[in-house]
Amino acid sequence: MAALRYAGLDDTDSEDELPPGWEERTTKDGWVYFANHTEEKTQWEHPKTGKRKRVAGDLPYGWEQETDENGQVFFVDHINKRTTYLDPRLAFTVDDNPKKPPTRQKYDGNTTAMEILQGRDFTGKVVIVTGANSGIGFETAKSFALHGAQVILACRNMARANEAVSRILQEWHKAKVEAMTLDLASLRSVQNFAEVFKSKNMFLHVLVCNAAVYALPWSLTKDHLETTFQVNHLGHFYLVQLLQDVLCRSAPARVVVVSSESHRFTDINDSSGKLDLSLLSPSKEEYWAMLAYNRSKLCNILFSNELHCRLSPHGVTSNAVHPGNMMYSSIHHNWWVYTLLFTLARPFTKSMKMKSPSLLPPHQFPKKKKNICLLL
């Protein structure tokens, strides 16, 4: 009871009051267990009621969860400057039904990244997110960082990337985040990024290929390839190839490629049904921005599918995901018509927080036309 009074939780329910010699504790992810100091044993069920419990909600304002050198969880009250091993949420526990719940969809279109990761600890995991200075890339990077992962924001614009790092650190000053330069429109930049990352001698557990452009006017990169194709697909393809050995060494690891449902509205075969490589990086006369985007997203899925086939035996999985129909983001800013369309549709779209690509179920890959990644 002294520990309860210290944490401000001395008002207890008589039914749940523990017998002498028992103590209530919590795990990192919020499950309650009971320690019997007399018999030196622990159990999940309450010694009097037989119920299982878990703490509900987030920690009170000003509280933070830490782990001591022995791996035991303790709690810091920064406002009143005190420390306790007693979870302050124990006054608000809820009963847990040990029976298997009926089968249902665990997440839906309104689920946020923070809700999906709730209770998970990514301490020691290394994550790279491309295009992480805004949109779903930023929300993905932030969600991983706030759950303990070491996150690298791989971005072309370092000023915006550093600003994104600062925003994450404002939410949690202990977050492990850094920005590194990556311009997918330059294969040399991709190579430099991979070399610098490898020089750090770090593992790589999650690689999120998120960066993309949309509705660009026709242009060629420094590598003389159409920009949409190189940024959305080929740059990521090259990045994965360069980091493939690190991913395998870090297994279990995961590659997540952000694609789009629009991949269904295009083709990369000619009239005879054979693969037409000229469609991937078309000339100015044959270029249409929407088709270029759709083809790049189809390449994403075909690449992810083949990558999974090749690397899954080595402990590296690959998933392609569709983040949401008409999801509002800054990707449409290159033409006023698209800006108007997205603005009108905004009330009916998902927010950035509702779909973070690395946390979604695998995309259902098309079974045909999957030979593209063998030819690139």
Protein backbone atom coordinates (compact mmCIF):
# COMPACT_ATOMS: atom_id res chain seq x y z
CA MET A 1 0.00 0.00 0.00
CA ALA A 2 2.94 2.32 0.62
CA ALA A 3 3.96 1.95 -3.02
CA LEU A 4 0.38 2.69 -4.07
CA ARG A 5 0.28 5.83 -1.95
CA TYR A 6 3.62 6.92 -3.41
CA ALA A 7 2.19 6.68 -6.92
CA GLY A 8 -1.05 8.34 -5.85
CA LEU A 9 -3.09 5.16 -6.31
CA ASP A 10 -4.04 4.27 -2.74
CA ASP A 11 -7.80 4.28 -3.46
CA THR A 12 -8.34 0.59 -4.28
CA ASP A 13 -11.31 -1.65 -4.82
CA SER A 14 -11.71 -4.25 -2.01
CA GLU A 15 -12.44 -7.06 -4.47
CA ASP A 16 -9.14 -6.45 -6.23
CA GLU A 17 -7.11 -5.89 -3.08
CA LEU A 18 -4.20 -8.30 -3.07
CA PRO A 19 -3.53 -10.80 -0.25
CA PRO A 20 -0.43 -10.20 1.92
CA GLY A 21 2.82 -10.99 0.14
CA TRP A 22 1.48 -10.28 -3.36
CA GLU A 23 2.51 -7.44 -5.68
CA GLU A 24 1.00 -6.14 -8.90
CA ARG A 25 3.35 -5.42 -11.80
CA THR A 26 3.16 -4.60 -15.52
CA THR A 27 5.08 -5.67 -18.60
CA LYS A 28 6.48 -3.28 -21.19
CA ASP A 29 3.42 -3.64 -23.38
CA GLY A 30 0.92 -3.06 -20.56
CA TRP A 31 -0.09 -6.54 -19.39
CA VAL A 32 -0.57 -6.96 -15.64
CA TYR A 33 0.99 -9.87 -13.76
CA PHE A 34 1.14 -10.76 -10.07
CA ALA A 35 4.21 -11.63 -8.00
CA ASN A 36 4.01 -13.78 -4.87
CA HIS A 37 7.03 -12.88 -2.75
CA THR A 38 6.31 -15.63 -0.22
CA GLU A 39 6.39 -18.48 -2.75
CA GLU A 40 8.63 -16.58 -5.20
CA LYS A 41 6.41 -17.10 -8.22
CA THR A 42 4.47 -15.00 -10.73
CA GLN A 43 1.17 -15.50 -12.54
CA TRP A 44 -1.13 -13.68 -14.96
CA GLU A 45 -4.37 -14.27 -13.01
CA HIS A 46 -5.38 -12.15 -10.00
CA PRO A 47 -4.91 -14.39 -6.89
CA LYS A 48 -8.43 -13.59 -5.60
CA THR A 49 -10.62 -12.97 -8.65
CA GLY A 50 -8.80 -15.12 -11.21
CA LYS A 51 -9.10 -12.32 -13.77
CA ARG A 52 -6.44 -11.24 -16.21
CA LYS A 53 -5.87 -7.52 -16.63
CA ARG A 54 -4.09 -4.96 -18.70
CA VAL A 55 -3.55 -1.25 -18.23
CA ALA A 56 -5.70 1.06 -20.35
CA GLY A 57 -4.62 4.17 -22.22
CA ASP A 58 -1.39 6.12 -22.32
CA LEU A 59 0.71 7.18 -19.36
CA PRO A 60 -0.48 10.32 -17.56
CA TYR A 61 0.97 13.62 -18.71
CA GLY A 62 4.53 14.04 -17.48
CA TRP A 63 5.18 10.32 -16.96
CA GLU A 64 7.70 8.27 -18.93
CA GLN A 65 8.48 4.55 -19.01
CA GLU A 66 12.13 3.49 -18.65
CA THR A 67 14.07 0.23 -18.19
CA ASP A 68 16.80 -0.27 -15.59
CA GLU A 69 20.06 -2.18 -16.05
CA ASN A 70 18.34 -5.41 -14.99
CA GLY A 71 15.66 -5.06 -17.66
CA GLN A 72 12.92 -4.14 -15.18
CA VAL A 73 10.44 -1.46 -16.18
CA PHE A 74 10.12 1.62 -14.00
CA PHE A 75 8.28 4.93 -14.33
CA VAL A 76 9.48 8.52 -14.04
CA ASP A 77 7.18 11.38 -13.03
CA HIS A 78 8.97 14.41 -14.48
CA ILE A 79 6.48 16.89 -13.03
CA ASN A 80 6.87 15.80 -9.40
CA LYS A 81 10.42 14.51 -9.96
CA ARG A 82 9.93 11.02 -8.57
CA THR A 83 10.50 7.44 -9.70
CA THR A 84 8.53 4.27 -9.04
CA TYR A 85 8.35 0.70 -10.27
CA LEU A 86 4.57 0.86 -10.04
CA ASP A 87 2.71 1.67 -13.25
CA PRO A 88 0.54 4.76 -12.57
CA ARG A 89 -2.12 3.31 -14.86
CA LEU A 90 -2.80 0.40 -12.49
CA ALA A 91 -5.73 2.35 -11.08
CA PHE A 92 -7.37 2.12 -14.50
CA THR A 93 -6.87 -1.51 -15.49
CA VAL A 94 -9.42 -3.34 -17.60
CA ASP A 95 -10.27 -7.03 -17.55
CA ASP A 96 -8.87 -9.13 -20.33
CA ASN A 97 -10.98 -11.99 -21.65
CA PRO A 98 -8.67 -14.98 -22.12
CA LYS A 99 -11.14 -16.58 -24.50
CA LYS A 100 -10.26 -16.35 -28.18
CA PRO A 101 -12.23 -13.48 -29.72
CA PRO A 102 -14.25 -14.07 -32.89
CA THR A 103 -12.36 -13.66 -36.14
CA ARG A 104 -12.53 -10.09 -37.38
CA GLN A 105 -10.43 -7.53 -39.17
CA LYS A 106 -7.96 -6.11 -36.68
CA TYR A 107 -7.35 -2.84 -38.50
CA ASP A 108 -9.43 -0.75 -40.87
CA GLY A 109 -9.15 2.37 -42.98
CA ASN A 110 -9.29 4.65 -39.94
CA THR A 111 -6.46 2.96 -38.04
CA THR A 112 -3.41 5.17 -37.44
CA ALA A 113 0.22 4.10 -37.45
CA MET A 114 0.52 4.83 -33.73
CA GLU A 115 -2.46 2.56 -33.02
CA ILE A 116 -0.94 -0.29 -35.00
CA LEU A 117 2.38 0.00 -33.15
CA GLN A 118 0.84 0.47 -29.70
CA GLY A 119 2.61 -1.75 -27.17
CA ARG A 120 5.45 -2.69 -29.53
CA ASP A 121 9.10 -2.04 -28.72
CA PHE A 122 11.45 -1.48 -31.66
CA THR A 123 14.52 -0.74 -29.55
CA GLY A 124 17.60 -1.95 -31.40
CA LYS A 125 15.88 -1.99 -34.81
CA VAL A 126 17.21 0.15 -37.67
CA VAL A 127 14.76 1.60 -40.21
CA ILE A 128 15.31 3.58 -43.41
CA VAL A 129 12.38 5.53 -44.88
CA THR A 130 12.81 7.29 -48.22
CA GLY A 131 10.91 10.53 -48.75
CA ALA A 132 10.41 10.83 -44.99
CA ASN A 133 10.31 14.61 -44.63
CA SER A 134 6.54 14.80 -45.26
CA GLY A 135 3.35 12.81 -45.83
CA ILE A 136 3.07 9.14 -44.98
CA GLY A 137 6.86 8.84 -45.10
CA PHE A 138 7.13 11.26 -42.18
CA GLU A 139 4.33 9.56 -40.24
CA THR A 140 5.99 6.17 -40.75
CA ALA A 141 9.39 7.45 -39.63
CA LYS A 142 7.89 9.20 -36.62
CA SER A 143 5.88 6.16 -35.55
CA PHE A 144 8.93 3.90 -35.65
CA ALA A 145 11.10 6.47 -33.83
CA LEU A 146 8.55 7.00 -31.05
CA HIS A 147 8.56 3.24 -30.49
CA GLY A 148 12.32 3.00 -30.00
CA ALA A 149 13.67 2.29 -33.50
CA GLN A 150 16.72 4.05 -34.91
CA VAL A 151 15.32 5.78 -37.99
CA ILE A 152 17.12 7.29 -40.98
CA LEU A 153 15.17 9.80 -43.04
CA ALA A 154 16.51 9.41 -46.59
CA CYS A 155 15.58 12.62 -48.40
CA ARG A 156 16.62 14.79 -51.32
CA ASN A 157 15.95 18.11 -49.56
CA MET A 158 18.14 18.14 -46.44
CA ALA A 159 16.65 21.36 -45.08
CA ARG A 160 13.19 19.80 -44.97
CA ALA A 161 14.64 16.50 -43.72
CA ASN A 162 16.36 18.20 -40.79
CA GLU A 163 13.14 20.05 -40.00
CA ALA A 164 11.33 16.69 -39.91
CA VAL A 165 13.97 15.32 -37.53
CA SER A 166 13.42 18.31 -35.23
CA ARG A 167 9.65 17.73 -35.23
CA ILE A 168 10.14 14.12 -34.13
CA LEU A 169 12.60 15.13 -31.41
CA GLN A 170 10.09 17.68 -30.12
CA GLU A 171 7.67 14.82 -29.48
CA TRP A 172 10.30 12.65 -27.79
CA HIS A 173 13.74 14.04 -27.05
CA LYS A 174 15.25 10.55 -26.80
CA ALA A 175 14.18 9.51 -30.30
CA LYS A 176 17.04 8.16 -32.44
CA VAL A 177 16.58 9.89 -35.79
CA GLU A 178 18.92 11.32 -38.38
CA ALA A 179 18.69 12.62 -41.94
CA MET A 180 20.82 11.44 -44.86
CA THR A 181 20.94 12.71 -48.44
CA LEU A 182 19.26 10.53 -51.06
CA ASP A 183 18.23 11.81 -54.50
CA LEU A 184 16.54 8.97 -56.37
CA ALA A 185 16.81 10.97 -59.60
CA SER A 186 20.57 10.35 -59.47
CA LEU A 187 21.95 6.82 -59.42
CA ARG A 188 25.24 8.28 -58.18
CA SER A 189 23.39 9.74 -55.18
CA VAL A 190 21.80 6.35 -54.51
CA GLN A 191 25.22 4.73 -54.61
CA ASN A 192 26.71 7.37 -52.29
CA PHE A 193 23.86 6.90 -49.81
CA ALA A 194 24.43 3.14 -49.72
CA GLU A 195 28.18 3.58 -49.25
CA VAL A 196 27.76 6.05 -46.38
CA PHE A 197 25.18 3.84 -44.69
CA LYS A 198 27.37 0.76 -44.98
CA SER A 199 30.30 2.68 -43.51
CA LYS A 200 28.28 3.04 -40.30
CA ASN A 201 28.40 -0.78 -39.83
CA MET A 202 24.76 -0.86 -38.83
CA PHE A 203 22.06 -3.47 -39.28
CA LEU A 204 19.01 -2.74 -41.44
CA HIS A 205 15.76 -4.32 -40.32
CA VAL A 206 13.20 -2.31 -42.30
CA LEU A 207 13.62 -0.47 -45.61
CA VAL A 208 10.56 1.55 -46.64
CA CYS A 209 10.67 2.61 -50.31
CA ASN A 210 8.18 5.44 -50.02
CA ALA A 211 9.46 8.43 -52.02
CA ALA A 212 7.62 9.19 -55.26
CA VAL A 213 6.71 11.92 -57.73
CA TYR A 214 3.39 12.38 -59.50
CA ALA A 215 2.13 14.28 -62.55
CA LEU A 216 5.53 15.66 -63.50
CA PRO A 217 6.06 17.26 -66.89
CA TRP A 218 8.38 15.19 -69.08
CA SER A 219 12.04 15.45 -68.16
CA LEU A 220 15.17 13.31 -68.10
CA THR A 221 17.39 12.66 -65.10
CA LYS A 222 21.18 12.96 -65.10
CA ASP A 223 21.15 9.27 -66.01
CA HIS A 224 19.10 10.06 -69.18
CA LEU A 225 16.00 8.24 -67.96
CA GLU A 226 12.46 9.57 -67.64
CA THR A 227 12.17 11.11 -64.17
CA THR A 228 8.96 9.47 -62.92
CA PHE A 229 10.23 6.00 -63.83
CA GLN A 230 13.62 6.52 -62.18
CA VAL A 231 12.42 8.20 -58.98
CA ASN A 232 9.42 5.96 -58.34
CA HIS A 233 10.95 2.64 -59.34
CA LEU A 234 14.49 2.36 -60.68
CA GLY A 235 16.11 4.42 -57.90
CA HIS A 236 14.52 2.21 -55.25
CA PHE A 237 15.38 -0.92 -57.27
CA TYR A 238 19.04 0.11 -57.25
CA LEU A 239 18.95 1.06 -53.56
CA VAL A 240 17.63 -2.37 -52.56
CA GLN A 241 20.28 -4.10 -54.67
CA LEU A 242 23.04 -2.11 -52.98
CA LEU A 243 21.70 -2.82 -49.47
CA GLN A 244 20.67 -6.42 -50.10
CA ASP A 245 23.66 -7.88 -48.26
CA VAL A 246 22.96 -5.71 -45.19
CA LEU A 247 19.30 -6.78 -45.18
CA CYS A 248 20.24 -10.47 -45.33
CA ARG A 249 22.80 -10.02 -42.57
CA SER A 250 20.11 -8.31 -40.43
CA ALA A 251 17.44 -11.01 -40.93
CA PRO A 252 14.67 -11.13 -40.06
CA ALA A 253 14.27 -7.97 -42.15
CA ARG A 254 11.63 -6.40 -44.37
CA VAL A 255 11.40 -4.30 -47.52
CA VAL A 256 8.20 -2.32 -48.03
CA VAL A 257 7.46 -0.76 -51.41
CA VAL A 258 4.70 1.84 -51.53
CA SER A 259 2.73 1.26 -54.71
CA SER A 260 -0.77 2.32 -55.75
CA GLU A 261 -4.07 0.86 -56.89
CA SER A 262 -3.52 2.80 -60.12
CA HIS A 263 -1.08 0.09 -61.24
CA ARG A 264 -4.17 -1.72 -62.57
CA PHE A 265 -4.83 0.96 -65.20
CA THR A 266 -1.83 0.43 -67.43
CA ASP A 267 0.25 -2.19 -69.16
CA ILE A 268 3.90 -2.65 -70.06
CA ASN A 269 3.42 -5.11 -72.89
CA ASP A 270 3.23 -4.34 -76.59
CA SER A 271 0.38 -5.39 -78.90
CA SER A 272 1.86 -8.90 -79.23
CA GLY A 273 1.94 -9.38 -75.46
CA LYS A 274 5.71 -9.03 -75.10
CA LEU A 275 7.43 -6.73 -72.62
CA ASP A 276 8.04 -3.30 -74.17
CA LEU A 277 10.92 -1.62 -72.33
CA SER A 278 10.42 1.61 -74.31
CA LEU A 279 7.17 2.17 -72.39
CA LEU A 280 9.05 2.47 -69.10
CA SER A 281 11.15 5.48 -70.07
CA PRO A 282 9.22 7.02 -72.98
CA SER A 283 10.19 9.90 -75.22
CA LYS A 284 8.61 13.32 -74.83
CA GLU A 285 6.21 12.65 -77.70
CA GLU A 286 4.93 9.41 -76.12
CA TYR A 287 4.83 10.69 -72.54
CA TRP A 288 1.63 11.04 -70.50
CA ALA A 289 2.16 11.86 -66.82
CA MET A 290 -0.64 9.68 -65.45
CA LEU A 291 0.43 6.64 -67.47
CA ALA A 292 4.04 7.13 -66.42
CA TYR A 293 2.98 7.12 -62.77
CA ASN A 294 0.79 4.04 -63.22
CA ARG A 295 3.58 2.13 -64.95
CA SER A 296 6.05 3.00 -62.23
CA LYS A 297 3.62 1.70 -59.60
CA LEU A 298 3.16 -1.53 -61.58
CA CYS A 299 6.94 -1.90 -61.65
CA ASN A 300 6.95 -1.46 -57.86
CA ILE A 301 4.61 -4.41 -57.37
CA LEU A 302 6.36 -6.70 -59.85
CA PHE A 303 9.72 -5.90 -58.29
CA SER A 304 8.48 -6.46 -54.74
CA ASN A 305 6.94 -9.77 -55.73
CA GLU A 306 10.13 -11.10 -57.30
CA LEU A 307 12.28 -9.70 -54.47
CA HIS A 308 10.22 -11.63 -51.94
CA CYS A 309 10.67 -14.84 -53.95
CA ARG A 310 14.43 -14.37 -53.99
CA LEU A 311 15.13 -13.10 -50.48
CA SER A 312 12.47 -14.72 -48.29
CA PRO A 313 14.55 -17.93 -48.02
CA HIS A 314 17.22 -15.70 -46.44
CA GLY A 315 14.86 -14.17 -43.88
CA VAL A 316 14.04 -10.97 -45.80
CA THR A 317 10.41 -10.40 -46.77
CA SER A 318 9.10 -7.87 -49.28
CA ASN A 319 5.62 -6.37 -49.36
CA ALA A 320 4.02 -3.88 -51.74
CA VAL A 321 1.23 -1.75 -50.31
CA HIS A 322 -1.50 0.58 -51.48
CA PRO A 323 -1.77 3.39 -48.88
CA GLY A 324 -5.33 4.44 -49.69
CA ASN A 325 -7.56 5.69 -52.46
CA MET A 326 -7.18 9.39 -53.27
CA MET A 327 -5.16 9.90 -50.12
CA TYR A 328 -4.48 13.61 -49.72
CA SER A 329 -0.79 14.49 -49.77
CA SER A 330 1.59 16.98 -51.38
CA ILE A 331 2.43 14.57 -54.21
CA HIS A 332 -0.09 16.22 -56.55
CA HIS A 333 1.32 19.76 -56.53
CA ASN A 334 2.84 19.66 -60.03
CA TRP A 335 -0.38 20.57 -61.90
CA TRP A 336 -3.24 22.78 -60.77
CA VAL A 337 -5.88 20.35 -62.11
CA TYR A 338 -4.66 17.60 -59.79
CA THR A 339 -4.46 20.07 -56.92
CA LEU A 340 -8.10 21.05 -57.51
CA LEU A 341 -9.17 17.40 -57.76
CA PHE A 342 -7.41 16.42 -54.53
CA THR A 343 -8.77 19.49 -52.74
CA LEU A 344 -12.35 18.58 -53.66
CA ALA A 345 -11.78 14.97 -52.60
CA ARG A 346 -9.99 15.80 -49.35
CA PRO A 347 -13.03 15.45 -47.02
CA PHE A 348 -13.38 11.84 -48.20
CA THR A 349 -9.72 10.79 -48.01
CA LYS A 350 -7.52 9.30 -45.33
CA SER A 351 -5.15 11.42 -43.27
CA MET A 352 -1.41 10.81 -43.33
CA LYS A 353 -1.60 9.11 -39.93
CA MET A 354 -4.19 6.56 -41.05
CA LYS A 355 -1.94 4.64 -43.41
CA SER A 356 1.73 4.09 -42.83
CA PRO A 357 3.11 1.73 -45.45
CA SER A 358 5.44 -0.42 -43.38
CA LEU A 359 2.60 -1.43 -41.09
CA LEU A 360 0.03 -2.65 -43.61
CA PRO A 361 -0.79 -6.18 -44.79
CA PRO A 362 0.85 -7.40 -48.03
CA HIS A 363 -0.59 -6.32 -51.35
CA GLN A 364 -2.15 -9.07 -53.47
CA PHE A 365 0.41 -9.31 -56.24
CA PRO A 366 -0.67 -9.94 -59.83
CA LYS A 367 0.49 -13.34 -61.03
CA LYS A 368 1.15 -12.31 -64.63
CA LYS A 369 3.80 -10.03 -66.12
CA LYS A 370 6.13 -10.55 -63.16
CA ASN A 371 9.23 -10.96 -65.32
CA ILE A 372 9.98 -7.24 -65.50
CA CYS A 373 12.42 -7.19 -62.59
CA LEU A 374 14.46 -9.92 -64.29
CA LEU A 375 15.08 -7.63 -67.24
CA LEU A 376 15.93 -4.39 -65.49
